[in-house]
């Protein structure tokens, strides 16, 4: 019991510090400084992600993953989208060449190439949408943070107190349906409060958007849990006291940020309903 209380205190303090830094940087940091912070986070998560995948027999090489973490983030930041497409094409071709000159060029060729390709582009593409959203309005990032954080925090506490029915036990034994419901309720309340003070958008659309962000965030969390369990590890790293690795803290935001970016652009530019 004492150990659990100590871990909870460490988790709360570390989480509060991370939240304060994230909010301050989002509101006040220079555009280039914010980009550098996202790049650093990207590299740290990539390092943890590679460590989780290092025993995966279908991973051809880790070099393209590290290179892409830097290259793709820079290309999106400087809005060099055509070059980004060219880079992704040549990355795909390069992986085929690497596989061709390997010891077993035929065995599981497409699987090996696909795993390495996805590992190379998934994180930088998703994380880069954070500074794209900030370019539109930092208030949207504040909304995203609070929805994801409240969902995560209250899913944990409600799940510990009332959780009886497992969500997907084989993937994440500690996550419960009761926790998901509790996290969703508090995240919805938080999303509506942030909308009232910072966004002033349609309540109906904010409710729909919040539910979808919670859903995709939980999916991102479950995907990370699935990767960690396949690697037989509890956390992606140990850099954050009480939380584990950087990937552990960004697993939900990695998937939620692109969804929010698409919503903002579609609803503002095309549908114009809010």
C-alpha atoms as a PDB file:
ATOM      1  CA  UNK A   1       0.000   0.000   0.000  1.00  0.00           C
ATOM      2  CA  UNK A   2       2.851   2.357   0.870  1.00  0.00           C
ATOM      3  CA  UNK A   3       4.575   1.603  -2.435  1.00  0.00           C
ATOM      4  CA  UNK A   4       1.378   2.337  -4.383  1.00  0.00           C
ATOM      5  CA  UNK A   5       0.948   5.641  -2.555  1.00  0.00           C
ATOM      6  CA  UNK A   6       4.541   6.619  -3.313  1.00  0.00           C
ATOM      7  CA  UNK A   7       4.093   5.746  -6.984  1.00  0.00           C
ATOM      8  CA  UNK A   8       0.869   7.766  -7.102  1.00  0.00           C
ATOM      9  CA  UNK A   9       2.612  10.809  -5.588  1.00  0.00           C
ATOM     10  CA  UNK A  10       5.489  10.496  -8.082  1.00  0.00           C
ATOM     11  CA  UNK A  11       3.001  10.089 -10.930  1.00  0.00           C
ATOM     12  CA  UNK A  12       1.008  13.143  -9.834  1.00  0.00           C
ATOM     13  CA  UNK A  13       4.050  15.404  -9.401  1.00  0.00           C
ATOM     14  CA  UNK A  14       5.659  14.344 -12.687  1.00  0.00           C
ATOM     15  CA  UNK A  15       2.340  14.637 -14.526  1.00  0.00           C
ATOM     16  CA  UNK A  16       1.699  18.114 -13.145  1.00  0.00           C
ATOM     17  CA  UNK A  17       5.178  19.315 -14.152  1.00  0.00           C
ATOM     18  CA  UNK A  18       4.778  17.906 -17.663  1.00  0.00           C
ATOM     19  CA  UNK A  19       1.348  19.488 -17.989  1.00  0.00           C
ATOM     20  CA  UNK A  20       2.645  22.894 -16.858  1.00  0.00           C
ATOM     21  CA  UNK A  21       5.589  22.749 -19.289  1.00  0.00           C
ATOM     22  CA  UNK A  22       3.343  21.666 -22.169  1.00  0.00           C
ATOM     23  CA  UNK A  23       0.807  24.439 -21.570  1.00  0.00           C
ATOM     24  CA  UNK A  24       3.462  27.127 -21.094  1.00  0.00           C
ATOM     25  CA  UNK A  25       5.344  26.082 -24.242  1.00  0.00           C
ATOM     26  CA  UNK A  26       2.138  25.915 -26.254  1.00  0.00           C
ATOM     27  CA  UNK A  27       1.045  29.419 -25.264  1.00  0.00           C
ATOM     28  CA  UNK A  28       4.312  31.326 -24.972  1.00  0.00           C
ATOM     29  CA  UNK A  29       7.136  29.512 -26.792  1.00  0.00           C
ATOM     30  CA  UNK A  30       8.517  30.975 -30.010  1.00  0.00           C
ATOM     31  CA  UNK A  31       7.387  29.144 -33.159  1.00  0.00           C
ATOM     32  CA  UNK A  32      10.874  27.710 -33.745  1.00  0.00           C
ATOM     33  CA  UNK A  33      11.347  26.773 -30.098  1.00  0.00           C
ATOM     34  CA  UNK A  34       8.050  24.884 -30.126  1.00  0.00           C
ATOM     35  CA  UNK A  35       9.180  23.046 -33.262  1.00  0.00           C
ATOM     36  CA  UNK A  36      12.472  22.080 -31.577  1.00  0.00           C
ATOM     37  CA  UNK A  37      10.572  20.771 -28.540  1.00  0.00           C
ATOM     38  CA  UNK A  38       8.362  18.616 -30.760  1.00  0.00           C
ATOM     39  CA  UNK A  39      11.458  17.384 -32.605  1.00  0.00           C
ATOM     40  CA  UNK A  40      13.119  16.415 -29.298  1.00  0.00           C
ATOM     41  CA  UNK A  41       9.971  14.591 -28.154  1.00  0.00           C
ATOM     42  CA  UNK A  42       9.848  12.841 -31.517  1.00  0.00           C
ATOM     43  CA  UNK A  43      13.445  11.645 -31.210  1.00  0.00           C
ATOM     44  CA  UNK A  44      12.919  10.451 -27.617  1.00  0.00           C
ATOM     45  CA  UNK A  45       9.770   8.533 -28.568  1.00  0.00           C
ATOM     46  CA  UNK A  46      11.497   7.091 -31.642  1.00  0.00           C
ATOM     47  CA  UNK A  47      14.320   5.828 -29.421  1.00  0.00           C
ATOM     48  CA  UNK A  48      11.814   4.083 -27.138  1.00  0.00           C
ATOM     49  CA  UNK A  49       9.810   2.784 -30.105  1.00  0.00           C
ATOM     50  CA  UNK A  50      12.919   1.261 -31.683  1.00  0.00           C
ATOM     51  CA  UNK A  51      13.797  -0.367 -28.347  1.00  0.00           C
ATOM     52  CA  UNK A  52      10.336  -1.975 -28.276  1.00  0.00           C
ATOM     53  CA  UNK A  53      10.749  -3.220 -31.837  1.00  0.00           C
ATOM     54  CA  UNK A  54      14.376  -4.327 -31.610  1.00  0.00           C
ATOM     55  CA  UNK A  55      13.397  -7.990 -31.080  1.00  0.00           C
ATOM     56  CA  UNK A  56      10.912  -7.884 -33.959  1.00  0.00           C
ATOM     57  CA  UNK A  57      12.272 -10.241 -36.611  1.00  0.00           C
ATOM     58  CA  UNK A  58      10.452  -8.271 -39.325  1.00  0.00           C
ATOM     59  CA  UNK A  59      12.305  -5.011 -38.666  1.00  0.00           C
ATOM     60  CA  UNK A  60      14.881  -4.703 -41.472  1.00  0.00           C
ATOM     61  CA  UNK A  61      16.972  -1.895 -40.003  1.00  0.00           C
ATOM     62  CA  UNK A  62      16.549   0.950 -37.517  1.00  0.00           C
ATOM     63  CA  UNK A  63      18.471   3.615 -39.467  1.00  0.00           C
ATOM     64  CA  UNK A  64      15.496   4.820 -41.618  1.00  0.00           C
ATOM     65  CA  UNK A  65      13.390   5.176 -38.466  1.00  0.00           C
ATOM     66  CA  UNK A  66      15.831   7.590 -36.823  1.00  0.00           C
ATOM     67  CA  UNK A  67      16.442   9.483 -40.084  1.00  0.00           C
ATOM     68  CA  UNK A  68      12.722   9.845 -40.758  1.00  0.00           C
ATOM     69  CA  UNK A  69      12.066  11.167 -37.247  1.00  0.00           C
ATOM     70  CA  UNK A  70      14.209  14.199 -38.133  1.00  0.00           C
ATOM     71  CA  UNK A  71      13.564  14.541 -41.875  1.00  0.00           C
ATOM     72  CA  UNK A  72       9.771  14.187 -41.890  1.00  0.00           C
ATOM     73  CA  UNK A  73       9.315  16.544 -38.927  1.00  0.00           C
ATOM     74  CA  UNK A  74      11.419  19.206 -40.689  1.00  0.00           C
ATOM     75  CA  UNK A  75       9.654  18.781 -44.030  1.00  0.00           C
ATOM     76  CA  UNK A  76       6.228  19.244 -42.443  1.00  0.00           C
ATOM     77  CA  UNK A  77       7.391  22.196 -40.328  1.00  0.00           C
ATOM     78  CA  UNK A  78       8.743  24.006 -43.393  1.00  0.00           C
ATOM     79  CA  UNK A  79       5.635  22.968 -45.382  1.00  0.00           C
ATOM     80  CA  UNK A  80       7.666  21.098 -48.005  1.00  0.00           C
ATOM     81  CA  UNK A  81       4.839  18.668 -48.679  1.00  0.00           C
ATOM     82  CA  UNK A  82       5.870  17.734 -52.225  1.00  0.00           C
ATOM     83  CA  UNK A  83       9.374  16.869 -51.023  1.00  0.00           C
ATOM     84  CA  UNK A  84       7.752  14.867 -48.209  1.00  0.00           C
ATOM     85  CA  UNK A  85       5.922  12.712 -50.763  1.00  0.00           C
ATOM     86  CA  UNK A  86       9.154  12.261 -52.736  1.00  0.00           C
ATOM     87  CA  UNK A  87      11.012  11.318 -49.544  1.00  0.00           C
ATOM     88  CA  UNK A  88       8.387   8.711 -48.602  1.00  0.00           C
ATOM     89  CA  UNK A  89       8.562   7.211 -52.100  1.00  0.00           C
ATOM     90  CA  UNK A  90      12.347   6.934 -52.005  1.00  0.00           C
ATOM     91  CA  UNK A  91      12.194   5.574 -48.451  1.00  0.00           C
ATOM     92  CA  UNK A  92       9.910   2.787 -49.657  1.00  0.00           C
ATOM     93  CA  UNK A  93      12.215   2.006 -52.616  1.00  0.00           C
ATOM     94  CA  UNK A  94      15.295   2.112 -50.363  1.00  0.00           C
ATOM     95  CA  UNK A  95      13.742  -0.434 -48.006  1.00  0.00           C
ATOM     96  CA  UNK A  96      13.164  -2.779 -50.956  1.00  0.00           C
ATOM     97  CA  UNK A  97      16.830  -2.414 -51.931  1.00  0.00           C
ATOM     98  CA  UNK A  98      17.991  -3.096 -48.362  1.00  0.00           C
ATOM     99  CA  UNK A  99      15.824  -6.203 -48.269  1.00  0.00           C
ATOM    100  CA  UNK A 100      17.181  -7.364 -51.649  1.00  0.00           C
ATOM    101  CA  UNK A 101      20.776  -7.349 -50.433  1.00  0.00           C
ATOM    102  CA  UNK A 102      19.937  -8.989 -47.099  1.00  0.00           C
ATOM    103  CA  UNK A 103      20.635 -12.646 -46.259  1.00  0.00           C
ATOM    104  CA  UNK A 104      17.007 -13.662 -46.861  1.00  0.00           C
ATOM    105  CA  UNK A 105      15.652 -11.326 -49.581  1.00  0.00           C
ATOM    106  CA  UNK A 106      12.597 -13.444 -50.390  1.00  0.00           C
ATOM    107  CA  UNK A 107      11.375 -14.541 -46.960  1.00  0.00           C
ATOM    108  CA  UNK A 108       8.561 -12.296 -45.648  1.00  0.00           C
ATOM    109  CA  UNK A 109       9.782  -9.512 -47.963  1.00  0.00           C
ATOM    110  CA  UNK A 110       6.651  -7.378 -48.013  1.00  0.00           C
ATOM    111  CA  UNK A 111       5.967  -7.848 -44.299  1.00  0.00           C
ATOM    112  CA  UNK A 112       9.509  -6.803 -43.390  1.00  0.00           C
ATOM    113  CA  UNK A 113       9.369  -3.744 -45.642  1.00  0.00           C
ATOM    114  CA  UNK A 114       5.912  -2.744 -44.414  1.00  0.00           C
ATOM    115  CA  UNK A 115       6.861  -2.984 -40.723  1.00  0.00           C
ATOM    116  CA  UNK A 116       9.977  -0.858 -41.212  1.00  0.00           C
ATOM    117  CA  UNK A 117       8.146   1.658 -43.423  1.00  0.00           C
ATOM    118  CA  UNK A 118       5.299   2.161 -40.958  1.00  0.00           C
ATOM    119  CA  UNK A 119       7.757   2.420 -38.061  1.00  0.00           C
ATOM    120  CA  UNK A 120       9.644   5.106 -40.016  1.00  0.00           C
ATOM    121  CA  UNK A 121       6.700   7.380 -40.824  1.00  0.00           C
ATOM    122  CA  UNK A 122       3.977   6.861 -38.206  1.00  0.00           C
ATOM    123  CA  UNK A 123       5.415   8.838 -35.271  1.00  0.00           C
ATOM    124  CA  UNK A 124       6.849  11.867 -37.112  1.00  0.00           C
ATOM    125  CA  UNK A 125       3.736  12.294 -39.264  1.00  0.00           C
ATOM    126  CA  UNK A 126       1.394  12.158 -36.280  1.00  0.00           C
ATOM    127  CA  UNK A 127       3.489  14.277 -33.906  1.00  0.00           C
ATOM    128  CA  UNK A 128       4.100  16.954 -36.538  1.00  0.00           C
ATOM    129  CA  UNK A 129       0.406  17.794 -36.554  1.00  0.00           C
ATOM    130  CA  UNK A 130       0.898  19.336 -33.092  1.00  0.00           C
ATOM    131  CA  UNK A 131       2.708  22.373 -34.483  1.00  0.00           C
ATOM    132  CA  UNK A 132       0.321  22.468 -37.481  1.00  0.00           C
ATOM    133  CA  UNK A 133      -2.572  22.773 -35.015  1.00  0.00           C
ATOM    134  CA  UNK A 134      -0.680  25.450 -33.072  1.00  0.00           C
ATOM    135  CA  UNK A 135      -0.253  27.412 -36.314  1.00  0.00           C
ATOM    136  CA  UNK A 136      -4.039  27.554 -36.521  1.00  0.00           C
ATOM    137  CA  UNK A 137      -4.654  28.345 -32.848  1.00  0.00           C
ATOM    138  CA  UNK A 138      -2.877  27.384 -29.645  1.00  0.00           C
ATOM    139  CA  UNK A 139      -6.319  27.200 -27.972  1.00  0.00           C
ATOM    140  CA  UNK A 140      -7.013  24.024 -29.925  1.00  0.00           C
ATOM    141  CA  UNK A 141      -3.922  22.373 -28.471  1.00  0.00           C
ATOM    142  CA  UNK A 142      -4.984  23.362 -24.956  1.00  0.00           C
ATOM    143  CA  UNK A 143      -8.342  21.726 -25.689  1.00  0.00           C
ATOM    144  CA  UNK A 144      -6.590  18.582 -26.974  1.00  0.00           C
ATOM    145  CA  UNK A 145      -4.320  18.354 -23.925  1.00  0.00           C
ATOM    146  CA  UNK A 146      -7.161  18.649 -21.426  1.00  0.00           C
ATOM    147  CA  UNK A 147      -9.450  16.186 -23.199  1.00  0.00           C
ATOM    148  CA  UNK A 148      -6.714  13.543 -23.441  1.00  0.00           C
ATOM    149  CA  UNK A 149      -5.340  14.165 -19.936  1.00  0.00           C
ATOM    150  CA  UNK A 150      -8.742  14.154 -18.232  1.00  0.00           C
ATOM    151  CA  UNK A 151      -9.737  11.000 -20.100  1.00  0.00           C
ATOM    152  CA  UNK A 152      -6.503   9.294 -19.058  1.00  0.00           C
ATOM    153  CA  UNK A 153      -6.469  10.455 -15.420  1.00  0.00           C
ATOM    154  CA  UNK A 154     -10.103   9.725 -14.599  1.00  0.00           C
ATOM    155  CA  UNK A 155     -10.125   6.453 -16.536  1.00  0.00           C
ATOM    156  CA  UNK A 156      -7.316   5.401 -14.202  1.00  0.00           C
ATOM    157  CA  UNK A 157      -8.960   6.512 -10.951  1.00  0.00           C
ATOM    158  CA  UNK A 158     -12.481   5.352 -11.837  1.00  0.00           C
ATOM    159  CA  UNK A 159     -11.064   2.070 -13.120  1.00  0.00           C
ATOM    160  CA  UNK A 160      -9.113   1.477  -9.889  1.00  0.00           C
ATOM    161  CA  UNK A 161     -12.190   2.246  -7.756  1.00  0.00           C
ATOM    162  CA  UNK A 162     -15.030   0.730  -9.771  1.00  0.00           C
ATOM    163  CA  UNK A 163     -13.493  -1.283 -12.616  1.00  0.00           C
ATOM    164  CA  UNK A 164     -14.954  -4.786 -12.881  1.00  0.00           C
ATOM    165  CA  UNK A 165     -15.382  -5.374 -16.613  1.00  0.00           C
ATOM    166  CA  UNK A 166     -12.176  -5.484 -18.637  1.00  0.00           C
ATOM    167  CA  UNK A 167     -11.974  -3.492 -21.862  1.00  0.00           C
ATOM    168  CA  UNK A 168      -9.586  -5.749 -23.813  1.00  0.00           C
ATOM    169  CA  UNK A 169      -7.863  -7.868 -21.174  1.00  0.00           C
ATOM    170  CA  UNK A 170      -5.464  -9.633 -23.524  1.00  0.00           C
ATOM    171  CA  UNK A 171      -4.040  -6.264 -24.658  1.00  0.00           C
ATOM    172  CA  UNK A 172      -4.299  -4.154 -21.482  1.00  0.00           C
ATOM    173  CA  UNK A 173      -5.374  -6.059 -18.350  1.00  0.00           C
ATOM    174  CA  UNK A 174      -5.819  -2.940 -16.178  1.00  0.00           C
ATOM    175  CA  UNK A 175      -8.157  -1.006 -18.481  1.00  0.00           C
ATOM    176  CA  UNK A 176     -11.852  -1.376 -17.705  1.00  0.00           C
ATOM    177  CA  UNK A 177     -15.135  -0.375 -19.313  1.00  0.00           C
ATOM    178  CA  UNK A 178     -16.056   1.534 -16.139  1.00  0.00           C
ATOM    179  CA  UNK A 179     -12.790   3.450 -16.366  1.00  0.00           C
ATOM    180  CA  UNK A 180     -13.448   4.312 -19.998  1.00  0.00           C
ATOM    181  CA  UNK A 181     -16.928   5.611 -19.143  1.00  0.00           C
ATOM    182  CA  UNK A 182     -15.618   7.659 -16.206  1.00  0.00           C
ATOM    183  CA  UNK A 183     -12.779   9.118 -18.260  1.00  0.00           C
ATOM    184  CA  UNK A 184     -15.175   9.979 -21.092  1.00  0.00           C
ATOM    185  CA  UNK A 185     -17.581  11.836 -18.780  1.00  0.00           C
ATOM    186  CA  UNK A 186     -14.881  13.989 -17.192  1.00  0.00           C
ATOM    187  CA  UNK A 187     -13.160  14.618 -20.542  1.00  0.00           C
ATOM    188  CA  UNK A 188     -16.492  15.754 -22.030  1.00  0.00           C
ATOM    189  CA  UNK A 189     -16.985  18.179 -19.145  1.00  0.00           C
ATOM    190  CA  UNK A 190     -13.435  19.463 -19.555  1.00  0.00           C
ATOM    191  CA  UNK A 191     -13.844  19.825 -23.311  1.00  0.00           C
ATOM    192  CA  UNK A 192     -17.030  21.855 -22.890  1.00  0.00           C
ATOM    193  CA  UNK A 193     -15.380  24.125 -20.305  1.00  0.00           C
ATOM    194  CA  UNK A 194     -12.371  24.771 -22.579  1.00  0.00           C
ATOM    195  CA  UNK A 195     -14.745  25.389 -25.479  1.00  0.00           C
ATOM    196  CA  UNK A 196     -16.716  27.923 -23.435  1.00  0.00           C
ATOM    197  CA  UNK A 197     -13.661  29.951 -22.425  1.00  0.00           C
ATOM    198  CA  UNK A 198     -11.296  29.505 -25.396  1.00  0.00           C
ATOM    199  CA  UNK A 199     -13.018  28.249 -28.547  1.00  0.00           C
ATOM    200  CA  UNK A 200     -16.703  29.237 -28.594  1.00  0.00           C
ATOM    201  CA  UNK A 201     -17.686  26.546 -31.092  1.00  0.00           C
ATOM    202  CA  UNK A 202     -20.942  24.636 -31.524  1.00  0.00           C
ATOM    203  CA  UNK A 203     -21.607  22.531 -28.420  1.00  0.00           C
ATOM    204  CA  UNK A 204     -22.943  19.641 -30.518  1.00  0.00           C
ATOM    205  CA  UNK A 205     -19.818  19.513 -32.677  1.00  0.00           C
ATOM    206  CA  UNK A 206     -17.522  19.846 -29.666  1.00  0.00           C
ATOM    207  CA  UNK A 207     -19.273  16.905 -27.980  1.00  0.00           C
ATOM    208  CA  UNK A 208     -18.925  14.803 -31.156  1.00  0.00           C
ATOM    209  CA  UNK A 209     -15.287  15.822 -31.590  1.00  0.00           C
ATOM    210  CA  UNK A 210     -14.453  15.158 -27.928  1.00  0.00           C
ATOM    211  CA  UNK A 211     -15.956  11.661 -28.023  1.00  0.00           C
ATOM    212  CA  UNK A 212     -13.987  10.861 -31.184  1.00  0.00           C
ATOM    213  CA  UNK A 213     -10.743  12.207 -29.706  1.00  0.00           C
ATOM    214  CA  UNK A 214     -11.284  10.100 -26.570  1.00  0.00           C
ATOM    215  CA  UNK A 215     -11.971   7.034 -28.722  1.00  0.00           C
ATOM    216  CA  UNK A 216      -8.905   7.451 -30.936  1.00  0.00           C
ATOM    217  CA  UNK A 217      -6.814   8.328 -27.864  1.00  0.00           C
ATOM    218  CA  UNK A 218      -7.824   5.097 -26.137  1.00  0.00           C
ATOM    219  CA  UNK A 219      -7.029   3.235 -29.363  1.00  0.00           C
ATOM    220  CA  UNK A 220      -3.554   4.806 -29.383  1.00  0.00           C
ATOM    221  CA  UNK A 221      -3.088   3.724 -25.769  1.00  0.00           C
ATOM    222  CA  UNK A 222      -4.169   0.171 -26.594  1.00  0.00           C
ATOM    223  CA  UNK A 223      -1.864   0.028 -29.616  1.00  0.00           C
ATOM    224  CA  UNK A 224       1.084   0.977 -27.414  1.00  0.00           C
ATOM    225  CA  UNK A 225       0.004  -1.613 -24.826  1.00  0.00           C
ATOM    226  CA  UNK A 226      -0.124  -4.254 -27.566  1.00  0.00           C
ATOM    227  CA  UNK A 227       3.395  -3.331 -28.728  1.00  0.00           C
ATOM    228  CA  UNK A 228       4.729  -3.365 -25.149  1.00  0.00           C
ATOM    229  CA  UNK A 229       3.160  -6.725 -24.339  1.00  0.00           C
ATOM    230  CA  UNK A 230       4.601  -8.219 -27.521  1.00  0.00           C
ATOM    231  CA  UNK A 231       8.003  -6.930 -26.338  1.00  0.00           C
ATOM    232  CA  UNK A 232       7.360  -8.211 -22.771  1.00  0.00           C
ATOM    233  CA  UNK A 233       7.916  -4.822 -21.110  1.00  0.00           C
ATOM    234  CA  UNK A 234       5.751  -2.806 -18.732  1.00  0.00           C
ATOM    235  CA  UNK A 235       6.748   0.697 -19.859  1.00  0.00           C
ATOM    236  CA  UNK A 236       8.319   2.107 -23.001  1.00  0.00           C
ATOM    237  CA  UNK A 237      11.055   3.710 -20.868  1.00  0.00           C
ATOM    238  CA  UNK A 238      11.956   5.046 -17.427  1.00  0.00           C
ATOM    239  CA  UNK A 239      12.646   8.722 -18.117  1.00  0.00           C
ATOM    240  CA  UNK A 240       9.478  10.047 -16.424  1.00  0.00           C
ATOM    241  CA  UNK A 241       9.020   9.077 -12.736  1.00  0.00           C
ATOM    242  CA  UNK A 242       5.753   7.252 -12.150  1.00  0.00           C
ATOM    243  CA  UNK A 243       4.835   7.313 -15.837  1.00  0.00           C
ATOM    244  CA  UNK A 244       7.496   5.344 -17.677  1.00  0.00           C
ATOM    245  CA  UNK A 245       8.706   6.604 -21.031  1.00  0.00           C
ATOM    246  CA  UNK A 246       7.875   9.579 -23.228  1.00  0.00           C
ATOM    247  CA  UNK A 247       5.905   7.286 -25.546  1.00  0.00           C
ATOM    248  CA  UNK A 248       3.777   6.259 -22.544  1.00  0.00           C
ATOM    249  CA  UNK A 249       2.771   9.902 -22.069  1.00  0.00           C
ATOM    250  CA  UNK A 250       2.152  10.689 -25.741  1.00  0.00           C
ATOM    251  CA  UNK A 251       0.537   7.448 -26.925  1.00  0.00           C
ATOM    252  CA  UNK A 252      -2.981   8.942 -26.958  1.00  0.00           C
ATOM    253  CA  UNK A 253      -2.000  12.373 -28.314  1.00  0.00           C
ATOM    254  CA  UNK A 254      -0.031  10.772 -31.169  1.00  0.00           C
ATOM    255  CA  UNK A 255      -3.286   9.469 -32.634  1.00  0.00           C
ATOM    256  CA  UNK A 256      -5.649  12.200 -31.419  1.00  0.00           C
ATOM    257  CA  UNK A 257      -3.684  15.139 -32.882  1.00  0.00           C
ATOM    258  CA  UNK A 258      -4.102  14.157 -36.582  1.00  0.00           C
ATOM    259  CA  UNK A 259      -7.841  13.623 -36.037  1.00  0.00           C
ATOM    260  CA  UNK A 260      -8.196  17.080 -34.457  1.00  0.00           C
ATOM    261  CA  UNK A 261      -6.184  18.663 -37.289  1.00  0.00           C
ATOM    262  CA  UNK A 262      -8.468  17.067 -39.902  1.00  0.00           C
ATOM    263  CA  UNK A 263     -11.594  18.139 -38.006  1.00  0.00           C
ATOM    264  CA  UNK A 264     -10.463  21.749 -37.718  1.00  0.00           C
ATOM    265  CA  UNK A 265      -9.636  21.992 -41.412  1.00  0.00           C
ATOM    266  CA  UNK A 266     -12.713  20.178 -42.692  1.00  0.00           C
ATOM    267  CA  UNK A 267     -15.226  21.964 -40.455  1.00  0.00           C
ATOM    268  CA  UNK A 268     -13.644  25.413 -40.836  1.00  0.00           C
ATOM    269  CA  UNK A 269     -12.796  25.346 -44.549  1.00  0.00           C
ATOM    270  CA  UNK A 270     -15.396  23.121 -46.149  1.00  0.00           C
ATOM    271  CA  UNK A 271     -18.469  22.411 -44.051  1.00  0.00           C
ATOM    272  CA  UNK A 272     -18.374  25.643 -42.001  1.00  0.00           C
ATOM    273  CA  UNK A 273     -20.949  24.460 -39.488  1.00  0.00           C
ATOM    274  CA  UNK A 274     -19.494  25.754 -36.260  1.00  0.00           C
END
